[in-house]
Amino acid sequence: MISYKSNFLEGFNFLGIKIWDFGLKSLSRKYSWFFLFKILFRYPIKSFRGFWDYRQFSKTIDQISAHNIYKNINPGELVSEVLDSPATLLVAMGYCQRPLKTDDQPLTCPSERFSHDCYFVENYHQTTRFPLACSICDIKPIAESTIRAGASFHIMTSAMDIARDIFIPALETQRFRYAIMFICPYSILPITLPLFICGIKFMIIPYTTGDCQNYGEFVRADVGIKPKRTFPLGQNYELILDLLKRMVQNKIQNGNDN
């Protein structure tokens, strides 16, 4: 079990909200004000319900473990519910999961690291030949199964972009109603609050290596300063990959495959 409590406020649980330290530290950042005015104040009823659901969810969590999957929907239910509307499922992975050149590994992602770009996704329907780095990339198998399942794929960068690209469309048009997300354990409680406000049913897979473990590392990663490559627990990665493959099979059985 890994503890990500950094100080008194991080463990402070006033009103059942466990992210006071994160929230107060973020007041100097543009994202916090965007969240307040574009989400909380603009959607007060959804925000109230989201806070309530978040409190119930967070009561079950003492400390975040990088080995657990955090969810408010079971895998079988997710597969069943997205059957008729797969595009409402968002599968989101971090830019920090891209292959990164090291002393032991010479390959690097062909796309810009701190971006939403993915060479494999952008060229999926045009070619079957991809750079060698794609063959060692955790993003590729998940992205391929996501595309074949008819779901939406996204590479996450900053908190502001996540709010603009995911939370706002979910609130305005219910563009996303389900999400599978790979993120740092440190960010799990902060991101589940807006997910609840947006009414998104989610499965969150934490990274076990290379992850941000405090606010300083989170802020640097939020502007693209992330010198380490992140990896989730292997069995959790395989569980999500198998889940997406089940969705692909369901799509094929319905007579619709890419």
C-alpha atoms as a PDB file:
ATOM      1  CA  MET A   1       0.000   0.000   0.000  1.00  0.00           C
ATOM      2  CA  ILE A   2       1.367   3.389  -1.043  1.00  0.00           C
ATOM      3  CA  SER A   3       0.558   6.569   0.853  1.00  0.00           C
ATOM      4  CA  TYR A   4       0.455   9.841  -1.081  1.00  0.00           C
ATOM      5  CA  LYS A   5      -0.354  12.041   1.923  1.00  0.00           C
ATOM      6  CA  SER A   6       2.263  14.762   1.890  1.00  0.00           C
ATOM      7  CA  ASN A   7       1.230  16.907   4.836  1.00  0.00           C
ATOM      8  CA  PHE A   8      -1.590  17.736   7.259  1.00  0.00           C
ATOM      9  CA  LEU A   9      -3.938  19.255   4.677  1.00  0.00           C
ATOM     10  CA  GLU A  10      -3.524  16.321   2.340  1.00  0.00           C
ATOM     11  CA  GLY A  11      -4.996  14.097   5.046  1.00  0.00           C
ATOM     12  CA  PHE A  12      -7.628  16.672   6.077  1.00  0.00           C
ATOM     13  CA  ASN A  13     -11.120  15.330   5.441  1.00  0.00           C
ATOM     14  CA  PHE A  14     -13.440  18.298   6.011  1.00  0.00           C
ATOM     15  CA  LEU A  15     -16.910  17.580   4.552  1.00  0.00           C
ATOM     16  CA  GLY A  16     -15.589  14.278   3.261  1.00  0.00           C
ATOM     17  CA  ILE A  17     -13.397  16.008   0.661  1.00  0.00           C
ATOM     18  CA  LYS A  18      -9.879  14.562   0.652  1.00  0.00           C
ATOM     19  CA  ILE A  19      -8.208  16.934  -1.800  1.00  0.00           C
ATOM     20  CA  TRP A  20      -8.026  20.205   0.136  1.00  0.00           C
ATOM     21  CA  ASP A  21      -4.251  20.353  -0.092  1.00  0.00           C
ATOM     22  CA  PHE A  22      -4.337  19.832  -3.855  1.00  0.00           C
ATOM     23  CA  GLY A  23      -7.136  22.361  -4.303  1.00  0.00           C
ATOM     24  CA  LEU A  24      -5.555  25.107  -2.217  1.00  0.00           C
ATOM     25  CA  LYS A  25      -2.164  24.700  -3.866  1.00  0.00           C
ATOM     26  CA  SER A  26      -3.840  24.912  -7.266  1.00  0.00           C
ATOM     27  CA  LEU A  27      -5.498  28.284  -6.617  1.00  0.00           C
ATOM     28  CA  SER A  28      -2.583  30.031  -8.281  1.00  0.00           C
ATOM     29  CA  ARG A  29      -3.078  27.993 -11.445  1.00  0.00           C
ATOM     30  CA  LYS A  30      -5.435  28.830 -14.291  1.00  0.00           C
ATOM     31  CA  TYR A  31      -7.028  25.375 -14.180  1.00  0.00           C
ATOM     32  CA  SER A  32      -8.551  25.981 -10.731  1.00  0.00           C
ATOM     33  CA  TRP A  33     -10.412  29.083 -11.845  1.00  0.00           C
ATOM     34  CA  PHE A  34     -11.521  27.373 -15.033  1.00  0.00           C
ATOM     35  CA  PHE A  35     -12.871  24.505 -12.910  1.00  0.00           C
ATOM     36  CA  LEU A  36     -14.666  26.888 -10.559  1.00  0.00           C
ATOM     37  CA  PHE A  37     -16.331  29.108 -13.157  1.00  0.00           C
ATOM     38  CA  LYS A  38     -16.783  26.780 -16.131  1.00  0.00           C
ATOM     39  CA  ILE A  39     -17.811  23.680 -14.178  1.00  0.00           C
ATOM     40  CA  LEU A  40     -18.800  24.208 -10.526  1.00  0.00           C
ATOM     41  CA  PHE A  41     -20.635  27.524 -10.847  1.00  0.00           C
ATOM     42  CA  ARG A  42     -22.059  26.865 -14.318  1.00  0.00           C
ATOM     43  CA  TYR A  43     -23.490  23.468 -13.351  1.00  0.00           C
ATOM     44  CA  PRO A  44     -24.443  23.824  -9.667  1.00  0.00           C
ATOM     45  CA  ILE A  45     -26.914  20.926  -9.514  1.00  0.00           C
ATOM     46  CA  LYS A  46     -24.551  18.495 -11.229  1.00  0.00           C
ATOM     47  CA  SER A  47     -21.745  19.772  -9.022  1.00  0.00           C
ATOM     48  CA  PHE A  48     -23.775  19.196  -5.847  1.00  0.00           C
ATOM     49  CA  ARG A  49     -24.621  15.656  -6.941  1.00  0.00           C
ATOM     50  CA  GLY A  50     -21.029  15.074  -7.980  1.00  0.00           C
ATOM     51  CA  PHE A  51     -19.704  16.198  -4.609  1.00  0.00           C
ATOM     52  CA  TRP A  52     -22.128  13.861  -2.867  1.00  0.00           C
ATOM     53  CA  ASP A  53     -21.140  10.880  -5.017  1.00  0.00           C
ATOM     54  CA  TYR A  54     -17.469  11.735  -4.612  1.00  0.00           C
ATOM     55  CA  ARG A  55     -17.827  11.766  -0.828  1.00  0.00           C
ATOM     56  CA  GLN A  56     -19.419   8.323  -0.846  1.00  0.00           C
ATOM     57  CA  PHE A  57     -16.701   7.035  -3.167  1.00  0.00           C
ATOM     58  CA  SER A  58     -13.789   8.514  -1.218  1.00  0.00           C
ATOM     59  CA  LYS A  59     -15.098   7.107   2.077  1.00  0.00           C
ATOM     60  CA  THR A  60     -14.095   3.667   0.828  1.00  0.00           C
ATOM     61  CA  ILE A  61     -10.491   4.785   0.213  1.00  0.00           C
ATOM     62  CA  ASP A  62      -8.003   5.178   3.043  1.00  0.00           C
ATOM     63  CA  GLN A  63      -4.829   5.289   0.996  1.00  0.00           C
ATOM     64  CA  ILE A  64      -4.427   5.037  -2.753  1.00  0.00           C
ATOM     65  CA  SER A  65      -2.754   1.839  -3.919  1.00  0.00           C
ATOM     66  CA  ALA A  66      -1.053   1.803  -7.310  1.00  0.00           C
ATOM     67  CA  HIS A  67      -2.046  -1.852  -7.628  1.00  0.00           C
ATOM     68  CA  ASN A  68      -5.809  -1.299  -7.487  1.00  0.00           C
ATOM     69  CA  ILE A  69      -8.246  -0.233 -10.193  1.00  0.00           C
ATOM     70  CA  TYR A  70     -10.560   2.552  -9.007  1.00  0.00           C
ATOM     71  CA  LYS A  71     -14.012   2.424 -10.514  1.00  0.00           C
ATOM     72  CA  ASN A  72     -17.709   3.172 -10.138  1.00  0.00           C
ATOM     73  CA  ILE A  73     -18.703   0.612 -12.769  1.00  0.00           C
ATOM     74  CA  ASN A  74     -17.748  -3.049 -13.116  1.00  0.00           C
ATOM     75  CA  PRO A  75     -16.057  -4.297 -16.325  1.00  0.00           C
ATOM     76  CA  GLY A  76     -18.987  -6.505 -17.340  1.00  0.00           C
ATOM     77  CA  GLU A  77     -21.448  -3.662 -16.888  1.00  0.00           C
ATOM     78  CA  LEU A  78     -19.230  -1.343 -18.915  1.00  0.00           C
ATOM     79  CA  VAL A  79     -19.036  -3.771 -21.831  1.00  0.00           C
ATOM     80  CA  SER A  80     -22.805  -4.194 -21.796  1.00  0.00           C
ATOM     81  CA  GLU A  81     -23.713  -0.518 -21.435  1.00  0.00           C
ATOM     82  CA  VAL A  82     -21.502   0.779 -24.260  1.00  0.00           C
ATOM     83  CA  LEU A  83     -22.668  -1.873 -26.726  1.00  0.00           C
ATOM     84  CA  ASP A  84     -25.114   0.442 -28.528  1.00  0.00           C
ATOM     85  CA  SER A  85     -23.116   3.654 -28.110  1.00  0.00           C
ATOM     86  CA  PRO A  86     -19.384   2.812 -28.050  1.00  0.00           C
ATOM     87  CA  ALA A  87     -18.319   6.352 -28.967  1.00  0.00           C
ATOM     88  CA  THR A  88     -19.509   7.546 -25.545  1.00  0.00           C
ATOM     89  CA  LEU A  89     -16.629   5.555 -24.033  1.00  0.00           C
ATOM     90  CA  LEU A  90     -13.399   7.502 -23.741  1.00  0.00           C
ATOM     91  CA  VAL A  91     -10.114   5.639 -23.329  1.00  0.00           C
ATOM     92  CA  ALA A  92      -7.443   8.084 -22.177  1.00  0.00           C
ATOM     93  CA  MET A  93      -3.755   7.446 -21.623  1.00  0.00           C
ATOM     94  CA  GLY A  94      -1.000   9.780 -20.463  1.00  0.00           C
ATOM     95  CA  TYR A  95       1.581  11.351 -22.740  1.00  0.00           C
ATOM     96  CA  CYS A  96       4.148  10.041 -20.260  1.00  0.00           C
ATOM     97  CA  GLN A  97       3.447   6.465 -21.411  1.00  0.00           C
ATOM     98  CA  ARG A  98       5.177   7.095 -24.738  1.00  0.00           C
ATOM     99  CA  PRO A  99       8.492   5.301 -25.401  1.00  0.00           C
ATOM    100  CA  LEU A 100      11.316   7.431 -24.088  1.00  0.00           C
ATOM    101  CA  LYS A 101      14.963   7.129 -25.083  1.00  0.00           C
ATOM    102  CA  THR A 102      17.206   5.991 -22.242  1.00  0.00           C
ATOM    103  CA  ASP A 103      20.640   4.439 -21.855  1.00  0.00           C
ATOM    104  CA  ASP A 104      19.047   0.987 -22.044  1.00  0.00           C
ATOM    105  CA  GLN A 105      16.397   1.746 -24.657  1.00  0.00           C
ATOM    106  CA  PRO A 106      17.268   3.771 -27.810  1.00  0.00           C
ATOM    107  CA  LEU A 107      13.765   4.186 -29.274  1.00  0.00           C
ATOM    108  CA  THR A 108      11.562   7.227 -28.801  1.00  0.00           C
ATOM    109  CA  CYS A 109       8.002   8.061 -29.842  1.00  0.00           C
ATOM    110  CA  PRO A 110       7.767   9.620 -33.341  1.00  0.00           C
ATOM    111  CA  SER A 111       5.116  12.065 -32.083  1.00  0.00           C
ATOM    112  CA  GLU A 112       5.832  15.086 -29.924  1.00  0.00           C
ATOM    113  CA  ARG A 113       5.950  13.916 -26.309  1.00  0.00           C
ATOM    114  CA  PHE A 114       3.826  16.637 -24.666  1.00  0.00           C
ATOM    115  CA  SER A 115       0.957  16.582 -27.148  1.00  0.00           C
ATOM    116  CA  HIS A 116      -2.268  14.781 -28.012  1.00  0.00           C
ATOM    117  CA  ASP A 117      -0.664  13.415 -31.183  1.00  0.00           C
ATOM    118  CA  CYS A 118      -0.202   9.702 -31.770  1.00  0.00           C
ATOM    119  CA  TYR A 119       1.457   8.587 -34.997  1.00  0.00           C
ATOM    120  CA  PHE A 120      -0.181   5.162 -34.774  1.00  0.00           C
ATOM    121  CA  VAL A 121      -3.715   6.505 -34.260  1.00  0.00           C
ATOM    122  CA  GLU A 122      -3.375   9.181 -36.940  1.00  0.00           C
ATOM    123  CA  ASN A 123      -2.141   6.663 -39.530  1.00  0.00           C
ATOM    124  CA  TYR A 124      -4.134   3.610 -38.471  1.00  0.00           C
ATOM    125  CA  HIS A 125      -6.357   3.579 -41.547  1.00  0.00           C
ATOM    126  CA  GLN A 126      -3.596   4.579 -43.975  1.00  0.00           C
ATOM    127  CA  THR A 127      -0.806   2.057 -43.394  1.00  0.00           C
ATOM    128  CA  THR A 128       0.253  -1.112 -41.619  1.00  0.00           C
ATOM    129  CA  ARG A 129       3.880  -0.018 -41.355  1.00  0.00           C
ATOM    130  CA  PHE A 130       4.826   1.951 -38.288  1.00  0.00           C
ATOM    131  CA  PRO A 131       8.037   3.135 -36.624  1.00  0.00           C
ATOM    132  CA  LEU A 132       9.802   0.538 -34.500  1.00  0.00           C
ATOM    133  CA  ALA A 133       9.048   2.569 -31.365  1.00  0.00           C
ATOM    134  CA  CYS A 134       5.349   1.772 -31.812  1.00  0.00           C
ATOM    135  CA  SER A 135       6.115  -1.914 -31.271  1.00  0.00           C
ATOM    136  CA  ILE A 136       7.299  -1.262 -27.697  1.00  0.00           C
ATOM    137  CA  CYS A 137       4.607   1.291 -26.867  1.00  0.00           C
ATOM    138  CA  ASP A 138       1.896   0.473 -24.305  1.00  0.00           C
ATOM    139  CA  ILE A 139      -0.365   2.982 -26.019  1.00  0.00           C
ATOM    140  CA  LYS A 140      -0.535   1.121 -29.348  1.00  0.00           C
ATOM    141  CA  PRO A 141      -2.450  -2.066 -28.325  1.00  0.00           C
ATOM    142  CA  ILE A 142      -4.943  -0.095 -26.237  1.00  0.00           C
ATOM    143  CA  ALA A 143      -5.428   2.499 -28.983  1.00  0.00           C
ATOM    144  CA  GLU A 144      -5.905  -0.167 -31.657  1.00  0.00           C
ATOM    145  CA  SER A 145      -8.549  -2.034 -29.655  1.00  0.00           C
ATOM    146  CA  THR A 146     -10.241   1.251 -28.780  1.00  0.00           C
ATOM    147  CA  ILE A 147     -10.483   2.232 -32.449  1.00  0.00           C
ATOM    148  CA  ARG A 148     -11.764  -1.202 -33.465  1.00  0.00           C
ATOM    149  CA  ALA A 149     -14.352  -1.114 -30.676  1.00  0.00           C
ATOM    150  CA  GLY A 150     -15.666   2.224 -31.979  1.00  0.00           C
ATOM    151  CA  ALA A 151     -14.757   4.042 -28.768  1.00  0.00           C
ATOM    152  CA  SER A 152     -12.956   7.380 -28.441  1.00  0.00           C
ATOM    153  CA  PHE A 153      -9.207   7.516 -27.813  1.00  0.00           C
ATOM    154  CA  HIS A 154      -7.303  10.406 -26.265  1.00  0.00           C
ATOM    155  CA  ILE A 155      -3.783  11.131 -25.038  1.00  0.00           C
ATOM    156  CA  MET A 156      -3.921  13.358 -21.971  1.00  0.00           C
ATOM    157  CA  THR A 157      -1.525  16.241 -21.398  1.00  0.00           C
ATOM    158  CA  SER A 158      -2.381  19.028 -18.944  1.00  0.00           C
ATOM    159  CA  ALA A 159      -5.183  19.393 -16.419  1.00  0.00           C
ATOM    160  CA  MET A 160      -6.532  22.340 -18.396  1.00  0.00           C
ATOM    161  CA  ASP A 161      -6.696  20.309 -21.589  1.00  0.00           C
ATOM    162  CA  ILE A 162      -8.437  17.465 -19.764  1.00  0.00           C
ATOM    163  CA  ALA A 163     -11.061  19.922 -18.542  1.00  0.00           C
ATOM    164  CA  ARG A 164     -11.574  21.423 -22.007  1.00  0.00           C
ATOM    165  CA  ASP A 165     -11.383  18.193 -24.010  1.00  0.00           C
ATOM    166  CA  ILE A 166     -13.212  15.815 -21.656  1.00  0.00           C
ATOM    167  CA  PHE A 167     -15.156  17.475 -18.847  1.00  0.00           C
ATOM    168  CA  ILE A 168     -16.767  20.319 -20.778  1.00  0.00           C
ATOM    169  CA  PRO A 169     -18.010  18.129 -23.676  1.00  0.00           C
ATOM    170  CA  ALA A 170     -19.342  15.622 -21.136  1.00  0.00           C
ATOM    171  CA  LEU A 171     -21.270  18.354 -19.320  1.00  0.00           C
ATOM    172  CA  GLU A 172     -22.533  20.203 -22.397  1.00  0.00           C
ATOM    173  CA  THR A 173     -23.533  17.318 -24.657  1.00  0.00           C
ATOM    174  CA  GLN A 174     -22.882  14.065 -22.750  1.00  0.00           C
ATOM    175  CA  ARG A 175     -20.195  13.413 -25.345  1.00  0.00           C
ATOM    176  CA  PHE A 176     -18.518  11.030 -22.912  1.00  0.00           C
ATOM    177  CA  ARG A 177     -20.517   8.940 -20.456  1.00  0.00           C
ATOM    178  CA  TYR A 178     -17.862   6.348 -19.706  1.00  0.00           C
ATOM    179  CA  ALA A 179     -14.091   6.575 -19.274  1.00  0.00           C
ATOM    180  CA  ILE A 180     -11.107   4.295 -18.884  1.00  0.00           C
ATOM    181  CA  MET A 181      -8.148   6.375 -17.754  1.00  0.00           C
ATOM    182  CA  PHE A 182      -4.497   5.662 -17.005  1.00  0.00           C
ATOM    183  CA  ILE A 183      -3.109   8.201 -14.517  1.00  0.00           C
ATOM    184  CA  CYS A 184      -0.750   8.693 -11.575  1.00  0.00           C
ATOM    185  CA  PRO A 185      -2.013   7.525  -8.165  1.00  0.00           C
ATOM    186  CA  TYR A 186      -1.462  11.064  -6.865  1.00  0.00           C
ATOM    187  CA  SER A 187      -4.064  12.391  -9.320  1.00  0.00           C
ATOM    188  CA  ILE A 188      -6.784   9.807  -8.716  1.00  0.00           C
ATOM    189  CA  LEU A 189      -8.776  11.628  -6.038  1.00  0.00           C
ATOM    190  CA  PRO A 190      -8.472  15.035  -7.758  1.00  0.00           C
ATOM    191  CA  ILE A 191      -9.726  13.656 -11.078  1.00  0.00           C
ATOM    192  CA  THR A 192     -12.581  11.562  -9.689  1.00  0.00           C
ATOM    193  CA  LEU A 193     -14.372  14.664  -8.388  1.00  0.00           C
ATOM    194  CA  PRO A 194     -14.951  16.207 -11.865  1.00  0.00           C
ATOM    195  CA  LEU A 195     -15.713  12.750 -13.250  1.00  0.00           C
ATOM    196  CA  PHE A 196     -18.547  12.428 -10.747  1.00  0.00           C
ATOM    197  CA  ILE A 197     -19.737  15.961 -11.513  1.00  0.00           C
ATOM    198  CA  CYS A 198     -19.795  15.099 -15.220  1.00  0.00           C
ATOM    199  CA  GLY A 199     -21.750  11.924 -14.539  1.00  0.00           C
ATOM    200  CA  ILE A 200     -19.040   9.778 -16.125  1.00  0.00           C
ATOM    201  CA  LYS A 201     -18.805   6.133 -15.121  1.00  0.00           C
ATOM    202  CA  PHE A 202     -15.129   5.307 -14.902  1.00  0.00           C
ATOM    203  CA  MET A 203     -12.351   2.807 -14.448  1.00  0.00           C
ATOM    204  CA  ILE A 204      -9.023   4.369 -13.418  1.00  0.00           C
ATOM    205  CA  ILE A 205      -5.794   2.427 -13.785  1.00  0.00           C
ATOM    206  CA  PRO A 206      -2.894   3.837 -11.742  1.00  0.00           C
ATOM    207  CA  TYR A 207       0.721   3.842 -12.819  1.00  0.00           C
ATOM    208  CA  THR A 208       3.043   1.770 -10.661  1.00  0.00           C
ATOM    209  CA  THR A 209       6.351   3.161 -11.944  1.00  0.00           C
ATOM    210  CA  GLY A 210       7.472   6.551 -13.176  1.00  0.00           C
ATOM    211  CA  ASP A 211       4.451   8.277 -11.607  1.00  0.00           C
ATOM    212  CA  CYS A 212       4.206  11.720 -10.011  1.00  0.00           C
ATOM    213  CA  GLN A 213       4.207  11.292  -6.238  1.00  0.00           C
ATOM    214  CA  ASN A 214       3.712  14.859  -5.015  1.00  0.00           C
ATOM    215  CA  TYR A 215       2.307  18.207  -6.093  1.00  0.00           C
ATOM    216  CA  GLY A 216       5.638  19.535  -7.361  1.00  0.00           C
ATOM    217  CA  GLU A 217       6.077  16.607  -9.735  1.00  0.00           C
ATOM    218  CA  PHE A 218       2.439  16.925 -10.829  1.00  0.00           C
ATOM    219  CA  VAL A 219       2.885  20.614 -11.713  1.00  0.00           C
ATOM    220  CA  ARG A 220       6.036  19.938 -13.713  1.00  0.00           C
ATOM    221  CA  ALA A 221       4.371  17.083 -15.599  1.00  0.00           C
ATOM    222  CA  ASP A 222       1.401  19.377 -16.232  1.00  0.00           C
ATOM    223  CA  VAL A 223       3.631  21.583 -18.402  1.00  0.00           C
ATOM    224  CA  GLY A 224       5.451  18.709 -20.090  1.00  0.00           C
ATOM    225  CA  ILE A 225       8.410  18.251 -17.761  1.00  0.00           C
ATOM    226  CA  LYS A 226       8.285  14.505 -17.208  1.00  0.00           C
ATOM    227  CA  PRO A 227      11.692  12.808 -17.540  1.00  0.00           C
ATOM    228  CA  LYS A 228      10.339   9.355 -16.671  1.00  0.00           C
ATOM    229  CA  ARG A 229       8.142   6.916 -18.597  1.00  0.00           C
ATOM    230  CA  THR A 230       5.120   5.617 -16.729  1.00  0.00           C
ATOM    231  CA  PHE A 231       3.798   2.058 -16.588  1.00  0.00           C
ATOM    232  CA  PRO A 232       0.680   0.569 -14.960  1.00  0.00           C
ATOM    233  CA  LEU A 233       0.638  -2.816 -13.257  1.00  0.00           C
ATOM    234  CA  GLY A 234       0.880  -5.456 -15.968  1.00  0.00           C
ATOM    235  CA  GLN A 235      -2.181  -7.413 -14.909  1.00  0.00           C
ATOM    236  CA  ASN A 236      -4.304  -4.255 -14.793  1.00  0.00           C
ATOM    237  CA  TYR A 237      -3.118  -3.283 -18.270  1.00  0.00           C
ATOM    238  CA  GLU A 238      -4.018  -6.749 -19.578  1.00  0.00           C
ATOM    239  CA  LEU A 239      -7.446  -6.584 -17.907  1.00  0.00           C
ATOM    240  CA  ILE A 240      -8.266  -3.371 -19.761  1.00  0.00           C
ATOM    241  CA  LEU A 241      -6.908  -4.721 -23.022  1.00  0.00           C
ATOM    242  CA  ASP A 242      -9.039  -7.859 -22.663  1.00  0.00           C
ATOM    243  CA  LEU A 243     -12.079  -5.725 -21.841  1.00  0.00           C
ATOM    244  CA  LEU A 244     -11.603  -3.683 -25.025  1.00  0.00           C
ATOM    245  CA  LYS A 245     -11.142  -6.849 -27.073  1.00  0.00           C
ATOM    246  CA  ARG A 246     -14.485  -8.082 -25.724  1.00  0.00           C
ATOM    247  CA  MET A 247     -16.034  -4.881 -27.021  1.00  0.00           C
ATOM    248  CA  VAL A 248     -14.421  -5.491 -30.420  1.00  0.00           C
ATOM    249  CA  GLN A 249     -15.881  -9.005 -30.516  1.00  0.00           C
ATOM    250  CA  ASN A 250     -19.319  -7.656 -29.633  1.00  0.00           C
ATOM    251  CA  LYS A 251     -19.036  -5.182 -32.474  1.00  0.00           C
ATOM    252  CA  ILE A 252     -18.012  -7.932 -34.924  1.00  0.00           C
ATOM    253  CA  GLN A 253     -20.924 -10.133 -33.789  1.00  0.00           C
ATOM    254  CA  ASN A 254     -23.224  -7.213 -34.538  1.00  0.00           C
ATOM    255  CA  GLY A 255     -21.856  -7.217 -38.084  1.00  0.00           C
ATOM    256  CA  ASN A 256     -19.831  -4.033 -37.802  1.00  0.00           C
ATOM    257  CA  ASP A 257     -16.033  -4.105 -37.813  1.00  0.00           C
ATOM    258  CA  ASN A 258     -13.467  -1.560 -39.029  1.00  0.00           C
END
